[in-house]
């Protein structure tokens, strides 16, 4: 995978994260607290400039009450 592909995946993930967060009617601050993440980190995730670890992905899914598969970027 090249850098351009990785960048696109991160941007798509960020869009999906924001969509799911808003669907749950969570502010960035409330979501960050629930996921045990900083607000600035969540903002970076949503704009696609940070690459979350697997542990962070689990925290995100748990805070949103979704499965990791709900982040399927092929949809």
N, C-alpha and C. Protein backbone atom coordinates (compact mmCIF):
# COMPACT_ATOMS: atom_id res chain seq x y z
N UNK A 1 0.85 -1.17 0.00
CA UNK A 1 0.00 0.00 0.00
C UNK A 1 0.90 1.24 0.00
N UNK A 2 0.59 2.14 -0.89
CA UNK A 2 1.40 3.36 -0.94
C UNK A 2 0.79 4.45 -0.06
N UNK A 3 1.52 5.55 0.08
CA UNK A 3 1.10 6.64 0.96
C UNK A 3 -0.23 7.25 0.53
N UNK A 4 -0.47 7.33 -0.75
CA UNK A 4 -1.72 7.91 -1.25
C UNK A 4 -2.92 7.03 -0.87
N UNK A 5 -2.75 5.72 -0.99
CA UNK A 5 -3.82 4.80 -0.61
C UNK A 5 -4.10 4.89 0.89
N UNK A 6 -3.04 4.96 1.69
CA UNK A 6 -3.20 5.07 3.13
C UNK A 6 -3.93 6.36 3.49
N UNK A 7 -3.58 7.44 2.84
CA UNK A 7 -4.22 8.73 3.08
C UNK A 7 -5.72 8.66 2.78
N UNK A 8 -6.07 8.02 1.68
CA UNK A 8 -7.48 7.88 1.31
C UNK A 8 -8.25 7.04 2.33
N UNK A 9 -7.64 5.97 2.79
CA UNK A 9 -8.28 5.11 3.78
C UNK A 9 -8.52 5.88 5.07
N UNK A 10 -7.53 6.64 5.51
CA UNK A 10 -7.68 7.42 6.75
C UNK A 10 -8.78 8.47 6.61
N UNK A 11 -8.88 9.09 5.45
CA UNK A 11 -9.93 10.09 5.23
C UNK A 11 -11.31 9.43 5.23
N UNK A 12 -11.42 8.28 4.60
CA UNK A 12 -12.69 7.57 4.59
C UNK A 12 -13.08 7.10 5.99
N UNK A 13 -12.09 6.62 6.75
CA UNK A 13 -12.35 6.23 8.12
C UNK A 13 -12.86 7.43 8.92
N UNK A 14 -12.21 8.57 8.76
CA UNK A 14 -12.61 9.78 9.48
C UNK A 14 -14.04 10.19 9.16
N UNK A 15 -14.40 10.10 7.89
CA UNK A 15 -15.78 10.44 7.49
C UNK A 15 -16.78 9.48 8.14
N UNK A 16 -16.42 8.20 8.15
CA UNK A 16 -17.30 7.18 8.74
C UNK A 16 -17.42 7.39 10.24
N UNK A 17 -16.31 7.70 10.90
CA UNK A 17 -16.32 7.97 12.33
C UNK A 17 -17.24 9.15 12.64
N UNK A 18 -17.08 10.22 11.91
CA UNK A 18 -17.90 11.40 12.15
C UNK A 18 -19.38 11.10 11.90
N UNK A 19 -19.66 10.36 10.86
CA UNK A 19 -21.05 10.00 10.54
C UNK A 19 -21.67 9.17 11.67
N UNK A 20 -20.94 8.18 12.16
CA UNK A 20 -21.45 7.34 13.24
C UNK A 20 -21.60 8.14 14.53
N UNK A 21 -20.65 9.00 14.83
CA UNK A 21 -20.70 9.83 16.03
C UNK A 21 -21.92 10.74 16.00
N UNK A 22 -22.14 11.38 14.87
CA UNK A 22 -23.28 12.29 14.74
C UNK A 22 -24.60 11.52 14.77
N UNK A 23 -24.62 10.33 14.21
CA UNK A 23 -25.84 9.52 14.24
C UNK A 23 -26.22 9.16 15.68
N UNK A 24 -25.22 9.05 16.53
CA UNK A 24 -25.46 8.76 17.95
C UNK A 24 -25.69 10.04 18.75
N UNK A 25 -25.68 11.18 18.04
CA UNK A 25 -25.90 12.49 18.65
C UNK A 25 -24.89 12.80 19.75
N UNK A 26 -23.62 12.45 19.47
CA UNK A 26 -22.54 12.72 20.42
C UNK A 26 -21.70 13.89 19.94
N UNK A 27 -21.43 14.82 20.82
CA UNK A 27 -20.48 15.88 20.49
C UNK A 27 -19.08 15.25 20.47
N UNK A 28 -18.15 15.95 19.87
CA UNK A 28 -16.77 15.44 19.88
C UNK A 28 -16.29 15.28 21.31
N UNK A 29 -16.60 16.25 22.16
CA UNK A 29 -16.16 16.21 23.55
C UNK A 29 -16.74 14.99 24.28
N UNK A 30 -18.04 14.77 24.15
CA UNK A 30 -18.66 13.63 24.83
C UNK A 30 -18.15 12.30 24.28
N UNK A 31 -17.97 12.24 22.97
CA UNK A 31 -17.44 11.01 22.38
C UNK A 31 -16.01 10.76 22.84
N UNK A 32 -15.19 11.80 22.83
CA UNK A 32 -13.80 11.65 23.26
C UNK A 32 -13.72 11.14 24.70
N UNK A 33 -14.56 11.69 25.55
CA UNK A 33 -14.60 11.25 26.94
C UNK A 33 -14.98 9.77 27.02
N UNK A 34 -16.03 9.38 26.31
CA UNK A 34 -16.49 7.99 26.33
C UNK A 34 -15.44 7.03 25.79
N UNK A 35 -14.67 7.49 24.81
CA UNK A 35 -13.65 6.63 24.19
C UNK A 35 -12.29 6.74 24.88
N UNK A 36 -12.21 7.59 25.90
CA UNK A 36 -10.96 7.82 26.63
C UNK A 36 -9.87 8.34 25.70
N UNK A 37 -10.25 9.29 24.84
CA UNK A 37 -9.34 9.92 23.89
C UNK A 37 -9.41 11.43 24.08
N UNK A 38 -8.41 12.13 23.60
CA UNK A 38 -8.46 13.59 23.68
C UNK A 38 -9.32 14.13 22.55
N UNK A 39 -9.90 15.29 22.78
CA UNK A 39 -10.71 15.94 21.76
C UNK A 39 -9.88 16.21 20.51
N UNK A 40 -8.65 16.70 20.70
CA UNK A 40 -7.81 17.01 19.55
C UNK A 40 -7.48 15.76 18.74
N UNK A 41 -7.30 14.62 19.41
CA UNK A 41 -7.03 13.38 18.69
C UNK A 41 -8.25 12.95 17.88
N UNK A 42 -9.43 13.06 18.47
CA UNK A 42 -10.66 12.71 17.73
C UNK A 42 -10.80 13.61 16.51
N UNK A 43 -10.52 14.88 16.67
CA UNK A 43 -10.58 15.81 15.53
C UNK A 43 -9.62 15.37 14.43
N UNK A 44 -8.42 14.96 14.81
CA UNK A 44 -7.43 14.50 13.82
C UNK A 44 -7.90 13.22 13.14
N UNK A 45 -8.53 12.34 13.90
CA UNK A 45 -9.07 11.12 13.30
C UNK A 45 -10.15 11.46 12.28
N UNK A 46 -11.03 12.38 12.65
CA UNK A 46 -12.15 12.70 11.77
C UNK A 46 -11.73 13.41 10.49
N UNK A 47 -10.60 14.09 10.51
CA UNK A 47 -10.14 14.72 9.26
C UNK A 47 -9.13 13.84 8.53
N UNK A 48 -8.83 12.69 9.11
CA UNK A 48 -7.99 11.71 8.42
C UNK A 48 -6.50 11.95 8.48
N UNK A 49 -6.03 12.60 9.54
CA UNK A 49 -4.58 12.84 9.63
C UNK A 49 -3.90 12.01 10.71
N UNK A 50 -4.68 11.19 11.44
CA UNK A 50 -4.10 10.29 12.43
C UNK A 50 -4.51 8.86 12.11
N UNK A 51 -3.58 7.97 12.38
CA UNK A 51 -3.79 6.55 12.11
C UNK A 51 -3.99 5.84 13.44
N UNK A 52 -5.23 5.42 13.75
CA UNK A 52 -5.49 4.81 15.06
C UNK A 52 -4.92 3.41 15.18
N UNK A 53 -4.49 3.09 16.39
CA UNK A 53 -4.04 1.73 16.68
C UNK A 53 -5.26 0.82 16.82
N UNK A 54 -5.01 -0.46 16.86
CA UNK A 54 -6.11 -1.42 17.04
C UNK A 54 -6.82 -1.18 18.37
N UNK A 55 -6.05 -0.91 19.41
CA UNK A 55 -6.63 -0.63 20.72
C UNK A 55 -7.54 0.59 20.66
N UNK A 56 -7.11 1.62 19.95
CA UNK A 56 -7.93 2.82 19.80
C UNK A 56 -9.20 2.50 19.01
N UNK A 57 -9.08 1.68 17.99
CA UNK A 57 -10.27 1.29 17.23
C UNK A 57 -11.29 0.58 18.12
N UNK A 58 -10.80 -0.27 19.02
CA UNK A 58 -11.70 -0.95 19.95
C UNK A 58 -12.39 0.04 20.88
N UNK A 59 -11.64 1.03 21.36
CA UNK A 59 -12.23 2.07 22.23
C UNK A 59 -13.30 2.86 21.47
N UNK A 60 -13.02 3.18 20.23
CA UNK A 60 -13.97 3.93 19.41
C UNK A 60 -15.25 3.14 19.21
N UNK A 61 -15.10 1.89 18.83
CA UNK A 61 -16.27 1.04 18.59
C UNK A 61 -17.09 0.89 19.87
N UNK A 62 -16.41 0.70 20.99
CA UNK A 62 -17.10 0.54 22.26
C UNK A 62 -17.86 1.83 22.63
N UNK A 63 -17.23 2.97 22.46
CA UNK A 63 -17.87 4.25 22.80
C UNK A 63 -19.09 4.53 21.92
N UNK A 64 -19.05 4.04 20.69
CA UNK A 64 -20.17 4.24 19.77
C UNK A 64 -21.20 3.11 19.83
N UNK A 65 -20.88 2.05 20.59
CA UNK A 65 -21.75 0.87 20.69
C UNK A 65 -21.98 0.25 19.31
N UNK A 66 -20.88 0.11 18.57
CA UNK A 66 -20.92 -0.53 17.26
C UNK A 66 -19.83 -1.59 17.19
N UNK A 67 -19.87 -2.38 16.13
CA UNK A 67 -18.83 -3.37 15.88
C UNK A 67 -17.76 -2.75 14.98
N UNK A 68 -16.57 -3.27 15.04
CA UNK A 68 -15.52 -2.78 14.14
C UNK A 68 -15.93 -2.94 12.69
N UNK A 69 -16.71 -3.97 12.40
CA UNK A 69 -17.15 -4.20 11.02
C UNK A 69 -18.06 -3.07 10.52
N UNK A 70 -18.63 -2.30 11.42
CA UNK A 70 -19.45 -1.16 11.01
C UNK A 70 -18.62 -0.06 10.36
N UNK A 71 -17.31 -0.17 10.48
CA UNK A 71 -16.41 0.79 9.83
C UNK A 71 -15.95 0.30 8.48
N UNK A 72 -16.60 -0.75 7.97
CA UNK A 72 -16.25 -1.29 6.66
C UNK A 72 -16.23 -0.14 5.65
N UNK A 73 -15.09 0.12 5.09
CA UNK A 73 -14.94 1.28 4.21
C UNK A 73 -15.32 0.98 2.78
N UNK A 74 -15.76 -0.24 2.51
CA UNK A 74 -16.21 -0.58 1.17
C UNK A 74 -17.66 -0.20 0.93
N UNK A 75 -18.33 0.23 1.97
CA UNK A 75 -19.76 0.58 1.87
C UNK A 75 -19.93 2.02 1.50
